[in-house]
N, C-alpha and C. Protein backbone atom coordinates (compact mmCIF):
# COMPACT_ATOMS: atom_id res chain seq x y z
N MET A 1 144.74 65.71 118.40
CA MET A 1 145.04 67.06 117.65
C MET A 1 146.21 67.75 118.48
N ILE A 2 146.79 67.88 117.32
CA ILE A 2 148.38 68.25 117.67
C ILE A 2 148.26 70.35 117.60
N ILE A 3 148.11 71.06 118.71
CA ILE A 3 148.34 72.52 118.49
C ILE A 3 149.49 73.29 118.75
N ALA A 4 149.79 73.39 117.42
CA ALA A 4 150.98 74.25 117.04
C ALA A 4 150.96 75.85 116.70
N PRO A 5 151.11 76.65 117.67
CA PRO A 5 151.30 78.33 117.42
C PRO A 5 152.38 78.85 116.70
N SER A 6 152.53 79.25 116.07
CA SER A 6 153.62 80.18 115.14
C SER A 6 154.48 80.80 115.97
N LEU A 7 155.30 80.91 115.61
CA LEU A 7 156.45 81.74 116.53
C LEU A 7 156.42 83.15 115.74
N LEU A 8 155.81 83.19 114.32
CA LEU A 8 155.95 84.37 113.69
C LEU A 8 155.21 85.29 114.21
N ALA A 9 154.15 84.86 114.91
CA ALA A 9 152.57 85.76 115.43
C ALA A 9 153.26 86.74 116.48
N ALA A 10 154.11 86.02 117.38
CA ALA A 10 154.47 86.14 118.76
C ALA A 10 155.69 87.43 118.68
N ASN A 11 155.54 87.97 120.22
CA ASN A 11 156.11 89.12 120.08
C ASN A 11 157.87 89.20 119.60
N PHE A 12 158.40 89.61 118.60
CA PHE A 12 159.83 89.76 118.53
C PHE A 12 160.83 89.87 118.91
N GLY A 13 160.13 90.76 120.35
CA GLY A 13 161.25 91.72 121.29
C GLY A 13 161.42 90.48 122.75
N LYS A 14 160.27 89.76 122.53
CA LYS A 14 160.17 88.73 123.70
C LYS A 14 160.09 86.94 123.88
N PHE A 15 160.91 86.90 122.39
CA PHE A 15 160.62 85.43 122.08
C PHE A 15 160.78 84.31 123.40
N ALA A 16 161.81 84.28 124.11
CA ALA A 16 161.79 83.24 125.19
C ALA A 16 160.25 83.47 125.99
N HIS A 17 160.19 84.75 126.31
CA HIS A 17 159.13 84.84 126.98
C HIS A 17 158.09 84.34 126.46
N GLU A 18 157.48 84.46 125.22
CA GLU A 18 156.23 84.30 124.32
C GLU A 18 156.24 82.58 124.57
N ALA A 19 157.05 81.80 123.96
CA ALA A 19 157.55 80.44 124.27
C ALA A 19 157.41 79.88 125.10
N ALA A 20 157.49 80.56 126.43
CA ALA A 20 157.41 79.89 127.67
C ALA A 20 155.86 80.11 127.96
N ARG A 21 155.16 81.12 127.45
CA ARG A 21 153.50 81.59 127.96
C ARG A 21 153.15 80.53 126.88
N LEU A 22 153.49 80.58 125.61
CA LEU A 22 152.26 79.24 124.69
C LEU A 22 152.66 77.74 125.69
N GLU A 23 153.80 77.66 126.25
CA GLU A 23 153.81 76.01 126.76
C GLU A 23 153.09 76.26 127.96
N LYS A 24 152.80 77.08 128.66
CA LYS A 24 151.94 77.28 129.93
C LYS A 24 150.64 76.92 129.50
N ALA A 25 150.12 77.71 128.26
CA ALA A 25 148.74 77.84 127.91
C ALA A 25 148.32 76.48 126.98
N GLY A 26 149.19 75.63 126.97
CA GLY A 26 148.89 73.98 126.86
C GLY A 26 149.40 73.94 125.04
N ALA A 27 150.17 74.70 124.30
CA ALA A 27 150.43 74.38 123.13
C ALA A 27 151.13 72.81 123.15
N ASP A 28 151.00 72.32 121.99
CA ASP A 28 151.95 71.20 122.09
C ASP A 28 153.06 71.34 121.38
N TRP A 29 152.78 71.85 120.65
CA TRP A 29 154.18 72.00 119.47
C TRP A 29 154.28 73.68 119.61
N LEU A 30 155.70 74.42 119.21
CA LEU A 30 155.96 75.46 118.57
C LEU A 30 156.23 75.71 117.15
N HIS A 31 156.00 76.05 116.42
CA HIS A 31 155.51 76.26 114.93
C HIS A 31 156.86 77.63 114.55
N CYS A 32 157.92 76.82 114.31
CA CYS A 32 158.76 78.29 113.48
C CYS A 32 159.45 78.14 111.67
N ASP A 33 158.46 79.51 111.69
CA ASP A 33 158.58 79.79 110.07
C ASP A 33 160.12 80.48 109.96
N ILE A 34 160.86 79.57 109.16
CA ILE A 34 162.16 80.25 108.60
C ILE A 34 162.01 80.58 107.18
N MET A 35 162.42 81.75 106.91
CA MET A 35 162.17 82.52 105.48
C MET A 35 163.11 83.34 105.29
N ASP A 36 164.07 82.72 104.07
CA ASP A 36 165.19 83.19 103.57
C ASP A 36 165.06 84.97 102.54
N GLY A 37 164.21 84.86 102.40
CA GLY A 37 163.87 86.48 101.46
C GLY A 37 164.14 85.93 99.88
N ASN A 38 164.52 84.62 99.71
CA ASN A 38 164.20 84.80 98.31
C ASN A 38 162.98 83.54 97.93
N PHE A 39 163.09 82.33 98.56
CA PHE A 39 161.97 81.07 98.08
C PHE A 39 160.61 81.88 98.65
N VAL A 40 160.59 83.29 99.49
CA VAL A 40 159.43 83.75 100.16
C VAL A 40 160.28 84.69 99.98
N PRO A 41 159.36 85.99 100.06
CA PRO A 41 159.71 87.35 99.83
C PRO A 41 159.46 88.37 101.12
N ASN A 42 160.11 87.22 102.16
CA ASN A 42 160.21 88.20 103.52
C ASN A 42 161.51 87.15 104.31
N ILE A 43 161.81 87.71 105.21
CA ILE A 43 162.54 86.91 106.10
C ILE A 43 161.99 87.11 107.78
N SER A 44 162.68 86.10 108.45
CA SER A 44 162.20 85.78 109.66
C SER A 44 163.05 85.85 110.90
N PHE A 45 163.88 84.51 111.23
CA PHE A 45 164.80 84.86 112.23
C PHE A 45 165.85 83.56 111.55
N GLY A 46 166.72 83.03 112.47
CA GLY A 46 167.59 82.01 112.14
C GLY A 46 167.77 81.22 113.68
N PRO A 47 168.74 80.23 113.34
CA PRO A 47 168.94 79.52 114.58
C PRO A 47 169.17 79.45 115.84
N ALA A 48 169.49 80.68 115.96
CA ALA A 48 170.14 81.63 117.35
C ALA A 48 168.70 81.63 118.14
N VAL A 49 167.53 82.09 117.38
CA VAL A 49 166.22 82.34 117.99
C VAL A 49 165.76 81.28 118.40
N VAL A 50 165.68 80.07 117.70
CA VAL A 50 165.27 78.88 117.89
C VAL A 50 166.03 78.05 118.76
N LYS A 51 167.39 78.48 118.90
CA LYS A 51 168.10 77.78 120.44
C LYS A 51 167.76 78.76 121.49
N THR A 52 167.06 80.11 121.34
CA THR A 52 166.70 81.18 122.96
C THR A 52 165.52 80.23 123.02
N VAL A 53 164.38 80.04 122.23
CA VAL A 53 163.14 79.22 122.69
C VAL A 53 163.49 78.15 123.39
N ASN A 54 164.44 77.09 122.47
CA ASN A 54 164.63 75.90 123.19
C ASN A 54 165.37 75.76 124.72
N GLU A 55 165.49 76.79 124.76
CA GLU A 55 166.31 76.75 126.09
C GLU A 55 165.38 77.13 127.12
N ALA A 56 164.06 78.15 126.78
CA ALA A 56 162.94 78.40 127.48
C ALA A 56 162.09 77.49 127.63
N THR A 57 161.68 76.59 126.63
CA THR A 57 160.35 75.46 126.66
C THR A 57 160.94 74.56 126.45
N LYS A 58 159.99 72.82 126.48
CA LYS A 58 160.64 72.18 126.71
C LYS A 58 159.54 71.10 125.38
N MET A 59 158.80 72.18 124.49
CA MET A 59 158.04 71.85 124.12
C MET A 59 158.81 71.67 121.99
N PHE A 60 158.16 70.55 121.34
CA PHE A 60 158.32 70.01 120.40
C PHE A 60 158.11 70.62 119.26
N LEU A 61 159.48 71.54 118.97
CA LEU A 61 159.99 72.42 117.66
C LEU A 61 159.84 72.15 116.11
N ASP A 62 159.27 72.72 115.65
CA ASP A 62 158.52 72.43 114.48
C ASP A 62 159.36 73.19 113.65
N VAL A 63 160.34 73.01 112.74
CA VAL A 63 160.70 74.19 111.75
C VAL A 63 160.86 73.07 110.70
N HIS A 64 159.99 75.22 110.08
CA HIS A 64 159.60 74.89 108.52
C HIS A 64 160.49 75.82 108.08
N LEU A 65 161.40 75.55 106.97
CA LEU A 65 162.13 75.84 106.26
C LEU A 65 161.50 76.57 104.51
N MET A 66 161.44 77.83 104.55
CA MET A 66 160.89 78.30 103.28
C MET A 66 162.18 78.97 102.94
N CYS A 67 163.40 78.05 101.97
CA CYS A 67 164.31 78.62 102.04
C CYS A 67 164.59 77.92 100.53
N VAL A 68 165.52 78.36 99.67
CA VAL A 68 165.91 77.68 98.70
C VAL A 68 167.00 77.00 98.85
N ASN A 69 167.84 77.16 99.57
CA ASN A 69 169.12 75.97 100.22
C ASN A 69 168.86 75.72 101.16
N PRO A 70 168.05 75.33 102.00
CA PRO A 70 167.53 74.44 103.23
C PRO A 70 168.73 73.61 103.65
N ASP A 71 169.37 72.61 103.04
CA ASP A 71 170.19 72.04 103.57
C ASP A 71 171.58 72.51 104.38
N ILE A 72 171.76 73.82 103.62
CA ILE A 72 172.96 74.12 104.61
C ILE A 72 172.55 74.89 106.23
N LEU A 73 171.02 74.67 106.15
CA LEU A 73 170.62 75.13 107.55
C LEU A 73 170.39 73.82 108.59
N PHE A 74 170.31 72.92 107.78
CA PHE A 74 170.04 71.81 108.48
C PHE A 74 170.91 71.64 110.13
N GLU A 75 172.14 71.36 110.16
CA GLU A 75 172.99 71.12 111.20
C GLU A 75 172.84 71.97 112.22
N PRO A 76 172.65 73.85 111.62
CA PRO A 76 172.45 74.52 112.52
C PRO A 76 171.32 74.48 113.42
N PHE A 77 170.29 74.22 112.84
CA PHE A 77 168.75 74.20 113.10
C PHE A 77 169.09 72.61 114.16
N VAL A 78 169.43 72.00 113.73
CA VAL A 78 169.70 70.57 114.62
C VAL A 78 170.21 70.79 115.89
N LYS A 79 171.39 71.74 115.88
CA LYS A 79 172.22 72.15 117.04
C LYS A 79 171.31 72.69 117.87
N ALA A 80 170.33 73.97 117.55
CA ALA A 80 169.57 74.99 118.09
C ALA A 80 168.53 74.18 119.00
N GLY A 81 168.14 73.16 118.61
CA GLY A 81 167.00 72.09 119.20
C GLY A 81 166.41 72.03 118.11
N ALA A 82 166.09 71.80 116.93
CA ALA A 82 165.24 71.43 116.50
C ALA A 82 164.70 70.50 116.65
N ASP A 83 163.60 69.52 116.43
CA ASP A 83 162.90 68.28 116.45
C ASP A 83 162.61 67.95 115.11
N GLN A 84 161.94 68.67 114.59
CA GLN A 84 161.30 68.20 113.23
C GLN A 84 161.94 69.63 112.34
N LEU A 85 162.38 68.98 110.63
CA LEU A 85 162.87 69.83 109.90
C LEU A 85 161.99 69.73 108.33
N THR A 86 161.21 70.84 108.17
CA THR A 86 160.36 70.37 106.64
C THR A 86 160.68 71.40 105.84
N VAL A 87 160.86 70.28 104.52
CA VAL A 87 161.28 71.34 103.28
C VAL A 87 160.44 71.32 102.53
N HIS A 88 160.43 72.24 101.38
CA HIS A 88 159.49 72.11 100.22
C HIS A 88 159.40 71.08 99.02
N VAL A 89 158.40 70.53 98.30
CA VAL A 89 158.24 69.63 97.66
C VAL A 89 158.61 70.63 96.60
N GLU A 90 158.38 71.56 96.26
CA GLU A 90 158.66 72.75 95.12
C GLU A 90 160.05 72.69 94.76
N LEU A 91 161.16 72.09 95.97
CA LEU A 91 162.42 71.83 95.42
C LEU A 91 162.91 70.99 94.35
N GLU A 92 161.14 70.19 93.94
CA GLU A 92 161.81 69.18 92.81
C GLU A 92 162.81 68.18 92.78
N ASP A 93 163.89 68.17 91.90
CA ASP A 93 164.79 66.89 92.27
C ASP A 93 165.27 66.70 93.58
N ARG A 94 165.74 67.78 93.98
CA ARG A 94 166.51 68.22 95.15
C ARG A 94 165.41 66.98 96.53
N VAL A 95 164.42 67.00 96.34
CA VAL A 95 163.41 66.64 97.66
C VAL A 95 163.84 65.33 98.12
N ALA A 96 164.44 64.07 97.50
CA ALA A 96 164.25 62.88 97.94
C ALA A 96 165.89 62.88 99.22
N HIS A 97 167.12 63.58 98.20
CA HIS A 97 168.32 63.85 98.96
C HIS A 97 167.86 64.84 100.81
N LEU A 98 167.22 65.49 100.43
CA LEU A 98 166.64 66.40 101.52
C LEU A 98 166.09 65.85 102.60
N LEU A 99 165.08 64.80 102.11
CA LEU A 99 164.63 64.20 103.02
C LEU A 99 165.44 63.04 103.68
N TRP A 100 166.06 62.69 103.05
CA TRP A 100 167.40 61.70 103.19
C TRP A 100 168.32 62.35 104.49
N LYS A 101 168.58 63.11 104.27
CA LYS A 101 169.53 64.29 104.94
C LYS A 101 168.92 64.37 106.31
N ILE A 102 167.84 64.72 106.35
CA ILE A 102 167.14 64.99 107.49
C ILE A 102 167.31 63.79 108.50
N ARG A 103 166.67 62.72 107.62
CA ARG A 103 166.63 61.49 108.76
C ARG A 103 167.87 61.37 109.17
N SER A 104 169.00 61.29 108.23
CA SER A 104 170.52 60.72 109.07
C SER A 104 170.55 61.83 110.08
N LEU A 105 169.93 62.79 110.13
CA LEU A 105 170.67 63.79 111.52
C LEU A 105 169.95 63.42 112.37
N GLY A 106 168.95 62.28 112.28
CA GLY A 106 168.15 61.95 113.61
C GLY A 106 167.09 62.57 113.91
N LYS A 107 166.42 62.93 112.86
CA LYS A 107 165.21 64.35 113.01
C LYS A 107 164.35 64.45 112.36
N LYS A 108 163.22 64.22 112.88
CA LYS A 108 161.66 63.89 112.12
C LYS A 108 161.50 64.94 110.82
N VAL A 109 161.20 64.31 110.17
CA VAL A 109 160.98 64.70 108.31
C VAL A 109 159.75 65.22 108.16
N GLY A 110 159.75 66.66 107.68
CA GLY A 110 158.17 67.11 107.12
C GLY A 110 158.60 67.40 105.68
N LEU A 111 157.62 67.79 104.53
CA LEU A 111 157.44 67.88 103.47
C LEU A 111 156.17 68.98 103.22
N ALA A 112 156.82 70.06 102.81
CA ALA A 112 155.47 70.95 103.09
C ALA A 112 155.22 71.39 101.25
N ILE A 113 153.94 71.97 101.29
CA ILE A 113 153.13 72.29 99.61
C ILE A 113 152.51 73.16 99.71
N ASN A 114 152.70 74.02 98.21
CA ASN A 114 152.11 75.41 98.42
C ASN A 114 150.77 75.15 97.76
N PRO A 115 150.29 76.49 97.69
CA PRO A 115 148.62 76.23 97.25
C PRO A 115 149.11 76.01 95.85
N PRO A 116 149.79 76.76 95.22
CA PRO A 116 149.23 76.45 93.36
C PRO A 116 149.98 74.96 92.96
N THR A 117 150.84 74.38 93.76
CA THR A 117 151.41 73.01 93.86
C THR A 117 150.30 72.19 93.55
N SER A 118 150.65 71.06 92.76
CA SER A 118 149.41 69.65 92.70
C SER A 118 149.61 69.02 93.72
N ILE A 119 149.02 68.25 94.36
CA ILE A 119 149.13 67.56 95.46
C ILE A 119 149.68 66.38 94.99
N GLU A 120 149.79 66.02 93.96
CA GLU A 120 150.19 64.89 93.20
C GLU A 120 151.85 64.62 93.56
N ALA A 121 152.36 66.15 93.43
CA ALA A 121 153.62 65.94 93.51
C ALA A 121 154.39 65.86 94.92
N VAL A 122 153.50 65.62 96.03
CA VAL A 122 153.84 64.88 97.08
C VAL A 122 153.79 63.32 97.22
N LYS A 123 152.97 62.74 96.71
CA LYS A 123 152.69 61.33 96.58
C LYS A 123 154.21 60.34 96.64
N PRO A 124 154.83 60.57 95.86
CA PRO A 124 156.03 59.89 95.74
C PRO A 124 156.87 59.92 97.11
N PHE A 125 156.70 60.80 97.93
CA PHE A 125 157.98 60.78 99.25
C PHE A 125 156.56 60.91 100.60
N LEU A 126 155.35 60.44 100.42
CA LEU A 126 154.67 59.99 101.24
C LEU A 126 155.18 58.83 102.49
N LYS A 127 156.50 57.67 102.03
CA LYS A 127 156.67 57.11 102.85
C LYS A 127 157.85 57.27 103.19
N SER A 128 158.30 58.25 102.95
CA SER A 128 159.82 59.18 103.61
C SER A 128 159.53 59.77 104.38
N ILE A 129 158.13 60.24 105.06
CA ILE A 129 158.00 61.13 105.57
C ILE A 129 157.20 61.14 107.11
N ASP A 130 157.42 62.49 107.82
CA ASP A 130 156.61 62.01 109.09
C ASP A 130 155.74 62.95 109.12
N LEU A 131 155.84 63.83 108.34
CA LEU A 131 154.42 65.12 108.57
C LEU A 131 154.61 65.52 107.23
N LEU A 132 153.07 65.48 106.80
CA LEU A 132 152.80 66.49 105.12
C LEU A 132 152.13 67.63 106.08
N LEU A 133 153.22 68.82 105.17
CA LEU A 133 152.37 69.79 105.80
C LEU A 133 151.68 70.77 104.57
N ILE A 134 150.66 70.82 104.48
CA ILE A 134 149.54 71.67 102.89
C ILE A 134 149.74 73.34 103.72
N MET A 135 150.19 74.04 102.91
CA MET A 135 150.09 75.46 103.21
C MET A 135 148.98 75.95 102.72
N THR A 136 147.85 76.31 103.38
CA THR A 136 146.64 76.75 102.72
C THR A 136 146.36 78.19 102.77
N VAL A 137 147.72 78.85 102.77
CA VAL A 137 147.89 80.30 102.23
C VAL A 137 149.58 80.26 101.61
N ASN A 138 149.79 81.38 100.51
CA ASN A 138 150.93 81.22 100.18
C ASN A 138 152.04 81.89 100.87
N PRO A 139 152.87 81.40 101.19
CA PRO A 139 153.64 81.43 102.14
C PRO A 139 154.43 82.45 102.11
N GLY A 140 155.08 82.94 103.11
CA GLY A 140 155.82 84.63 103.35
C GLY A 140 155.57 85.37 104.44
N PHE A 141 154.10 85.73 104.52
CA PHE A 141 153.49 86.88 105.17
C PHE A 141 152.56 86.32 106.49
N GLY A 142 152.67 86.42 107.85
CA GLY A 142 151.40 86.26 108.48
C GLY A 142 150.19 86.80 108.08
N GLY A 143 149.14 86.60 109.03
CA GLY A 143 148.31 87.07 108.96
C GLY A 143 147.19 86.75 107.62
N GLN A 144 147.27 86.06 106.79
CA GLN A 144 146.64 85.96 105.47
C GLN A 144 145.43 85.29 105.39
N PRO A 145 144.44 85.39 104.76
CA PRO A 145 143.03 84.51 104.53
C PRO A 145 143.52 83.34 104.02
N PHE A 146 142.50 82.50 105.09
CA PHE A 146 142.44 80.96 104.42
C PHE A 146 141.94 80.98 103.04
N ILE A 147 142.61 79.96 102.43
CA ILE A 147 142.56 79.60 100.85
C ILE A 147 141.84 78.04 100.65
N PRO A 148 140.08 78.23 100.54
CA PRO A 148 139.39 77.31 101.09
C PRO A 148 139.58 76.13 99.52
N GLU A 149 140.32 76.65 98.85
CA GLU A 149 140.56 75.80 97.57
C GLU A 149 141.20 74.83 98.10
N THR A 150 142.14 75.15 98.90
CA THR A 150 143.27 74.01 99.67
C THR A 150 142.87 72.63 100.52
N LEU A 151 141.21 72.91 100.77
CA LEU A 151 140.53 71.67 101.26
C LEU A 151 140.60 70.52 100.58
N PRO A 152 140.47 70.05 99.31
CA PRO A 152 140.57 69.09 98.63
C PRO A 152 141.83 68.33 98.73
N LYS A 153 142.84 68.99 98.16
CA LYS A 153 144.48 68.43 99.04
C LYS A 153 144.40 67.77 100.06
N ILE A 154 143.90 68.51 101.51
CA ILE A 154 143.84 67.68 102.26
C ILE A 154 143.39 66.18 102.53
N GLN A 155 142.15 66.59 101.89
CA GLN A 155 141.08 65.13 101.64
C GLN A 155 141.92 64.45 100.82
N GLN A 156 142.57 64.57 99.93
CA GLN A 156 143.31 64.04 99.15
C GLN A 156 144.57 63.13 99.55
N ALA A 157 145.21 63.69 100.48
CA ALA A 157 146.49 63.40 101.37
C ALA A 157 145.86 62.05 102.53
N ALA A 158 144.94 62.41 102.91
CA ALA A 158 144.23 62.06 104.17
C ALA A 158 143.71 60.47 103.27
N ALA A 159 143.30 60.96 102.03
CA ALA A 159 142.76 59.34 101.84
C ALA A 159 143.87 59.04 101.47
N TRP A 160 144.91 59.11 100.81
CA TRP A 160 146.19 58.08 100.45
C TRP A 160 146.84 57.79 101.61
N ARG A 161 146.79 58.38 102.67
CA ARG A 161 147.61 57.97 104.20
C ARG A 161 146.49 56.74 104.68
N LYS A 162 145.55 56.70 104.69
CA LYS A 162 144.28 55.62 104.74
C LYS A 162 144.83 54.79 104.03
N LYS A 163 144.63 54.69 102.45
CA LYS A 163 144.82 53.57 101.78
C LYS A 163 146.23 52.89 101.70
N MET A 164 147.44 53.66 101.89
CA MET A 164 148.49 53.16 101.96
C MET A 164 149.13 52.82 103.07
N GLY A 165 148.08 52.90 104.39
CA GLY A 165 148.45 52.50 105.85
C GLY A 165 149.74 53.27 106.39
N LEU A 166 149.63 54.02 106.01
CA LEU A 166 150.77 55.26 106.73
C LEU A 166 149.96 56.23 107.73
N LYS A 167 151.20 56.56 108.75
CA LYS A 167 150.81 57.63 109.76
C LYS A 167 151.93 58.80 109.97
N PHE A 168 152.17 59.15 108.79
CA PHE A 168 152.51 60.52 108.79
C PHE A 168 151.29 61.60 109.25
N ARG A 169 151.69 62.78 109.95
CA ARG A 169 150.99 64.10 110.60
C ARG A 169 150.60 64.69 109.39
N LEU A 170 149.31 65.06 109.50
CA LEU A 170 148.63 66.16 108.26
C LEU A 170 148.72 67.27 108.89
N GLU A 171 149.57 68.40 108.52
CA GLU A 171 149.42 69.50 108.97
C GLU A 171 148.85 70.54 108.44
N VAL A 172 148.48 71.58 108.93
CA VAL A 172 147.56 72.87 107.92
C VAL A 172 148.39 74.44 108.60
N ASP A 173 148.71 74.91 107.65
CA ASP A 173 149.27 77.09 108.00
C ASP A 173 148.94 77.58 107.17
N GLY A 174 148.33 78.36 107.85
CA GLY A 174 147.70 79.66 107.14
C GLY A 174 146.89 79.95 107.21
N GLY A 175 146.01 81.22 107.78
CA GLY A 175 144.61 81.33 107.90
C GLY A 175 143.94 80.82 109.28
N ILE A 176 144.84 79.82 109.70
CA ILE A 176 144.24 79.08 110.34
C ILE A 176 143.46 79.71 112.31
N ASN A 177 142.34 79.65 112.21
CA ASN A 177 141.28 79.98 113.46
C ASN A 177 140.24 78.71 114.06
N PHE A 178 139.50 79.26 114.63
CA PHE A 178 138.49 78.75 115.06
C PHE A 178 137.85 77.65 113.96
N GLU A 179 137.19 78.60 113.14
CA GLU A 179 136.23 78.17 112.11
C GLU A 179 136.93 77.34 110.89
N THR A 180 138.28 77.59 110.46
CA THR A 180 139.25 77.23 109.31
C THR A 180 139.64 75.65 109.67
N SER A 181 140.00 76.31 111.32
CA SER A 181 140.54 74.62 111.98
C SER A 181 139.76 73.54 111.72
N VAL A 182 138.28 74.04 112.15
CA VAL A 182 137.03 72.88 111.98
C VAL A 182 137.08 72.24 110.57
N GLU A 183 137.15 73.12 109.36
CA GLU A 183 136.93 72.39 108.11
C GLU A 183 138.14 71.62 107.77
N CYS A 184 139.50 71.99 108.03
CA CYS A 184 140.33 71.09 107.90
C CYS A 184 140.26 69.91 108.64
N ALA A 185 140.05 69.84 109.94
CA ALA A 185 139.51 68.81 110.58
C ALA A 185 139.05 67.58 109.96
N ARG A 186 137.67 67.93 109.47
CA ARG A 186 136.98 67.69 109.06
C ARG A 186 137.33 66.94 107.39
N ALA A 187 138.19 67.61 107.08
CA ALA A 187 139.04 67.11 105.94
C ALA A 187 140.47 65.85 105.82
N GLY A 188 140.42 66.14 107.24
CA GLY A 188 141.65 65.31 107.60
C GLY A 188 142.78 65.19 107.97
N ALA A 189 142.97 67.00 108.58
CA ALA A 189 144.36 67.50 109.22
C ALA A 189 143.69 67.14 110.40
N ASP A 190 145.30 67.00 111.19
CA ASP A 190 145.16 66.54 112.62
C ASP A 190 146.39 67.54 113.14
N THR A 191 147.27 68.04 112.86
CA THR A 191 147.79 69.46 112.96
C THR A 191 148.10 70.47 113.15
N PHE A 192 147.57 71.73 113.83
CA PHE A 192 147.00 72.69 113.31
C PHE A 192 148.19 74.24 113.86
N VAL A 193 148.70 74.57 112.82
CA VAL A 193 149.78 75.82 112.87
C VAL A 193 148.25 77.23 112.88
N SER A 194 148.72 77.91 114.30
CA SER A 194 148.07 79.13 113.99
C SER A 194 149.26 80.40 114.47
N GLY A 195 149.00 81.54 114.04
CA GLY A 195 149.44 82.57 114.30
C GLY A 195 148.48 83.47 115.09
N THR A 196 148.19 84.17 113.97
CA THR A 196 147.32 85.82 115.18
C THR A 196 145.96 84.84 115.31
N GLY A 197 145.32 83.84 114.54
CA GLY A 197 144.34 83.12 115.22
C GLY A 197 144.35 82.61 116.55
N LEU A 198 145.33 82.27 117.06
CA LEU A 198 145.57 81.97 118.68
C LEU A 198 146.02 83.47 119.39
N LEU A 199 147.44 83.59 118.64
CA LEU A 199 148.22 84.64 119.34
C LEU A 199 147.29 86.48 119.43
N GLY A 200 146.07 86.09 118.77
CA GLY A 200 145.60 87.32 118.84
C GLY A 200 144.66 87.52 119.75
N GLU A 201 144.16 86.54 120.55
CA GLU A 201 143.15 86.17 121.29
C GLU A 201 143.75 86.60 122.97
N LYS A 202 142.83 87.19 123.54
CA LYS A 202 143.42 87.78 124.72
C LYS A 202 143.89 86.58 125.90
N GLN A 203 142.69 85.40 125.59
CA GLN A 203 142.88 84.29 126.71
C GLN A 203 143.70 83.46 126.22
N LEU A 204 144.80 83.44 125.85
CA LEU A 204 145.83 82.11 125.15
C LEU A 204 145.37 80.71 125.09
N LYS A 205 145.32 80.80 126.97
CA LYS A 205 145.11 79.41 127.39
C LYS A 205 144.04 78.41 126.89
N ARG A 206 142.77 79.07 126.95
CA ARG A 206 141.14 78.99 126.59
C ARG A 206 141.09 78.84 124.98
N ALA A 207 142.08 79.60 124.64
CA ALA A 207 142.22 79.57 122.97
C ALA A 207 142.62 78.64 122.38
N ILE A 208 143.60 78.05 122.89
CA ILE A 208 144.23 77.04 122.70
C ILE A 208 143.10 75.15 122.83
N THR A 209 142.88 75.96 123.98
CA THR A 209 141.88 74.44 124.46
C THR A 209 140.78 74.49 123.39
N LYS A 210 140.39 75.50 122.99
CA LYS A 210 139.24 76.04 122.38
C LYS A 210 139.44 74.83 120.82
N MET A 211 140.68 75.49 120.33
CA MET A 211 141.12 74.74 118.79
C MET A 211 141.07 73.44 118.90
N ARG A 212 142.05 73.00 120.12
CA ARG A 212 142.13 71.37 119.65
C ARG A 212 140.44 70.68 120.44
N GLU A 213 139.92 71.07 121.19
CA GLU A 213 138.15 70.55 121.36
C GLU A 213 137.24 70.86 120.18
N LEU A 214 137.44 72.01 119.41
CA LEU A 214 136.97 72.32 117.86
C LEU A 214 137.03 70.70 116.76
N THR A 215 138.10 71.11 117.20
CA THR A 215 138.99 69.91 115.73
C THR A 215 138.75 68.80 115.97
N THR A 216 138.92 68.36 117.78
CA THR A 216 138.68 66.71 117.90
C THR A 216 137.35 66.06 117.28
N LYS A 217 136.69 67.38 118.07
CA LYS A 217 134.85 67.13 117.45
C LYS A 217 134.80 66.92 116.31
N ALA A 218 135.43 67.44 115.41
CA ALA A 218 135.37 67.40 113.88
C ALA A 218 136.02 66.51 112.98
N SER A 219 136.69 66.00 113.57
CA SER A 219 137.77 65.22 113.06
C SER A 219 136.72 63.39 113.31
N SER A 220 136.18 63.45 114.83
CA SER A 220 135.64 62.44 115.13
C SER A 220 134.10 62.41 114.32
N HIS A 221 133.40 63.32 114.25
CA HIS A 221 132.28 63.62 112.94
C HIS A 221 132.60 62.90 111.65
N SER A 222 133.63 63.59 111.43
CA SER A 222 134.34 63.24 109.90
C SER A 222 134.41 61.91 109.27
N ALA A 223 134.63 61.18 111.00
CA ALA A 223 134.94 59.46 110.52
C ALA A 223 134.09 58.58 110.48
N ARG A 224 132.92 59.10 110.92
CA ARG A 224 132.15 58.26 111.41
C ARG A 224 131.50 58.13 109.67
């Protein structure tokens, strides 16, 4: 199980400090939500922040591009230290080229899907990705409640992965806390993005350890 705290929930005045704190607390990845104010109604941060975080930690940087034109940001984020770039299936006929472009830059390839979009939309691309991100809230703002109706999507993606013999990671993001992470793990998720669900806890290391243990247990039970 991979626990990936979201930088969006961190103290924006102390990004480097927060990244180092998350690494020390045992986080596996650091999830960076990039919003352009167009694809989603919010703006977050850019390559300069990711560069600062990269210099402060050795963690895997998972960059989620919620942007209308993500391709213009690929190289800046690669230079800043991104290890994985994720784009949205909602970009439709541009998706195949975007995934190819990320791969050509030598980075891990991620594909995200929003709650209203049919899971069938991602199926043609499953052989081309390293990670499928199923959004469990409508993207744009942190702290939103989990949408239970997204669970069948996770189950379907996990079933396809098994049937097709693929190894992409199955990531969830949105309203992920101790309770909902267990539900997602039972459905087949193995990578958990959590913002306020983790960073809102007083004892961060204990919270990360607890989420990893809970999801590992839930996953092993569902596999029986």
